[in-house]
Amino acid sequence: MAMKKFDLEKNKALKLGNQMKQSVAADRFGKASSQHVQLDRREQRKLDQAKGLVPFACKLPETLVDQLKERAAAHPEGMNGLIAELLVNGLAAGV
């Protein structure tokens, strides 16, 4: 059974929307983002799993998040490395 013109156009629009979501905008966040090789989510998840990394989300006060962002800018491993370092040091100190 042939599809109606409306359904064909709707499918083309959905396909285009998905392609736009999947494309990488190199200059979206400035020049810094174009220096790093962009991996798709699947590849990044596999690399993280190989390193033994597990996603962990929590809610923090905005002032604390601002402090973390400032420190993470200077940290060589970024936000993830900073949080891991702070947690290891805090747990070692028995806080």
C-alpha atoms as a PDB file:
ATOM      1  CA  MET A   1       0.000   0.000   0.000  1.00  0.00           C
ATOM      2  CA  ALA A   2       1.388   3.370  -1.025  1.00  0.00           C
ATOM      3  CA  MET A   3       1.936   5.998   1.630  1.00  0.00           C
ATOM      4  CA  LYS A   4       0.107   9.292   1.494  1.00  0.00           C
ATOM      5  CA  LYS A   5       2.069  12.381   0.587  1.00  0.00           C
ATOM      6  CA  PHE A   6       1.639  13.749   4.117  1.00  0.00           C
ATOM      7  CA  ASP A   7       3.099  10.586   5.644  1.00  0.00           C
ATOM      8  CA  LEU A   8       6.070  10.668   3.260  1.00  0.00           C
ATOM      9  CA  GLU A   9       6.807  14.294   4.133  1.00  0.00           C
ATOM     10  CA  LYS A  10       6.410  13.559   7.842  1.00  0.00           C
ATOM     11  CA  ASN A  11       8.916  10.686   7.608  1.00  0.00           C
ATOM     12  CA  LYS A  12      11.383  12.884   5.714  1.00  0.00           C
ATOM     13  CA  ALA A  13      11.079  15.566   8.412  1.00  0.00           C
ATOM     14  CA  LEU A  14      11.641  13.035  11.194  1.00  0.00           C
ATOM     15  CA  LYS A  15      14.672  11.632   9.366  1.00  0.00           C
ATOM     16  CA  LEU A  16      16.124  15.123   8.884  1.00  0.00           C
ATOM     17  CA  GLY A  17      15.510  15.964  12.552  1.00  0.00           C
ATOM     18  CA  ASN A  18      17.331  12.836  13.676  1.00  0.00           C
ATOM     19  CA  GLN A  19      20.258  13.582  11.363  1.00  0.00           C
ATOM     20  CA  MET A  20      20.538  17.083  12.796  1.00  0.00           C
ATOM     21  CA  LYS A  21      20.555  15.720  16.363  1.00  0.00           C
ATOM     22  CA  GLN A  22      23.293  13.227  15.484  1.00  0.00           C
ATOM     23  CA  SER A  23      25.555  15.742  13.699  1.00  0.00           C
ATOM     24  CA  VAL A  24      28.399  17.288  15.667  1.00  0.00           C
ATOM     25  CA  ALA A  25      28.464  21.078  15.846  1.00  0.00           C
ATOM     26  CA  ALA A  26      32.207  21.731  16.049  1.00  0.00           C
ATOM     27  CA  ASP A  27      32.037  25.389  17.060  1.00  0.00           C
ATOM     28  CA  ARG A  28      28.981  25.073  19.214  1.00  0.00           C
ATOM     29  CA  PHE A  29      30.883  25.729  22.439  1.00  0.00           C
ATOM     30  CA  GLY A  30      33.736  27.730  21.003  1.00  0.00           C
ATOM     31  CA  LYS A  31      37.134  26.826  19.707  1.00  0.00           C
ATOM     32  CA  ALA A  32      37.985  24.586  22.654  1.00  0.00           C
ATOM     33  CA  SER A  33      35.496  21.957  21.568  1.00  0.00           C
ATOM     34  CA  SER A  34      37.005  21.633  18.100  1.00  0.00           C
ATOM     35  CA  GLN A  35      40.358  20.626  19.602  1.00  0.00           C
ATOM     36  CA  HIS A  36      38.931  17.401  21.036  1.00  0.00           C
ATOM     37  CA  VAL A  37      37.880  14.479  18.896  1.00  0.00           C
ATOM     38  CA  GLN A  38      34.138  14.043  19.267  1.00  0.00           C
ATOM     39  CA  LEU A  39      33.033  10.484  19.986  1.00  0.00           C
ATOM     40  CA  ASP A  40      29.475   9.347  19.705  1.00  0.00           C
ATOM     41  CA  ARG A  41      27.731   8.330  22.907  1.00  0.00           C
ATOM     42  CA  ARG A  42      28.118   4.612  22.315  1.00  0.00           C
ATOM     43  CA  GLU A  43      31.868   4.820  21.784  1.00  0.00           C
ATOM     44  CA  GLN A  44      32.283   7.099  24.803  1.00  0.00           C
ATOM     45  CA  ARG A  45      30.226   4.729  26.981  1.00  0.00           C
ATOM     46  CA  LYS A  46      32.403   1.775  25.889  1.00  0.00           C
ATOM     47  CA  LEU A  47      35.590   3.691  26.701  1.00  0.00           C
ATOM     48  CA  ASP A  48      34.204   4.713  30.101  1.00  0.00           C
ATOM     49  CA  GLN A  49      33.182   1.125  30.884  1.00  0.00           C
ATOM     50  CA  ALA A  50      36.649  -0.127  29.941  1.00  0.00           C
ATOM     51  CA  LYS A  51      38.117   2.357  32.427  1.00  0.00           C
ATOM     52  CA  GLY A  52      35.688   1.148  35.088  1.00  0.00           C
ATOM     53  CA  LEU A  53      33.795   4.443  35.176  1.00  0.00           C
ATOM     54  CA  VAL A  54      30.156   4.507  36.250  1.00  0.00           C
ATOM     55  CA  PRO A  55      27.766   7.458  35.797  1.00  0.00           C
ATOM     56  CA  PHE A  56      26.810   9.039  39.128  1.00  0.00           C
ATOM     57  CA  ALA A  57      24.404  11.949  39.434  1.00  0.00           C
ATOM     58  CA  CYS A  58      23.551  14.059  42.463  1.00  0.00           C
ATOM     59  CA  LYS A  59      22.037  17.438  43.242  1.00  0.00           C
ATOM     60  CA  LEU A  60      24.308  20.141  44.635  1.00  0.00           C
ATOM     61  CA  PRO A  61      23.822  23.764  45.685  1.00  0.00           C
ATOM     62  CA  GLU A  62      24.468  26.260  42.914  1.00  0.00           C
ATOM     63  CA  THR A  63      27.270  28.014  44.824  1.00  0.00           C
ATOM     64  CA  LEU A  64      29.139  24.726  45.221  1.00  0.00           C
ATOM     65  CA  VAL A  65      28.701  23.922  41.524  1.00  0.00           C
ATOM     66  CA  ASP A  66      30.134  27.336  40.614  1.00  0.00           C
ATOM     67  CA  GLN A  67      33.191  26.656  42.792  1.00  0.00           C
ATOM     68  CA  LEU A  68      33.623  23.231  41.185  1.00  0.00           C
ATOM     69  CA  LYS A  69      33.423  24.715  37.686  1.00  0.00           C
ATOM     70  CA  GLU A  70      36.109  27.281  38.530  1.00  0.00           C
ATOM     71  CA  ARG A  71      38.469  24.615  39.889  1.00  0.00           C
ATOM     72  CA  ALA A  72      37.685  22.185  37.063  1.00  0.00           C
ATOM     73  CA  ALA A  73      38.787  24.759  34.483  1.00  0.00           C
ATOM     74  CA  ALA A  74      42.313  24.574  35.905  1.00  0.00           C
ATOM     75  CA  HIS A  75      42.294  20.820  36.597  1.00  0.00           C
ATOM     76  CA  PRO A  76      44.080  18.701  33.945  1.00  0.00           C
ATOM     77  CA  GLU A  77      41.335  16.035  33.903  1.00  0.00           C
ATOM     78  CA  GLY A  78      38.423  18.460  33.988  1.00  0.00           C
ATOM     79  CA  MET A  79      35.317  18.111  36.108  1.00  0.00           C
ATOM     80  CA  ASN A  80      35.361  14.307  36.327  1.00  0.00           C
ATOM     81  CA  GLY A  81      38.963  14.209  37.489  1.00  0.00           C
ATOM     82  CA  LEU A  82      38.399  16.985  40.016  1.00  0.00           C
ATOM     83  CA  ILE A  83      35.325  15.331  41.544  1.00  0.00           C
ATOM     84  CA  ALA A  84      37.096  11.973  41.744  1.00  0.00           C
ATOM     85  CA  GLU A  85      40.127  13.571  43.423  1.00  0.00           C
ATOM     86  CA  LEU A  86      37.988  15.480  45.935  1.00  0.00           C
ATOM     87  CA  LEU A  87      35.977  12.374  46.812  1.00  0.00           C
ATOM     88  CA  VAL A  88      39.071  10.217  47.260  1.00  0.00           C
ATOM     89  CA  ASN A  89      40.710  12.828  49.489  1.00  0.00           C
ATOM     90  CA  GLY A  90      37.507  13.385  51.473  1.00  0.00           C
ATOM     91  CA  LEU A  91      36.917   9.688  52.019  1.00  0.00           C
ATOM     92  CA  ALA A  92      40.536   9.157  53.019  1.00  0.00           C
ATOM     93  CA  ALA A  93      40.224  11.933  55.593  1.00  0.00           C
ATOM     94  CA  GLY A  94      37.106  10.283  57.016  1.00  0.00           C
ATOM     95  CA  VAL A  95      34.775  13.183  56.313  1.00  0.00           C
END
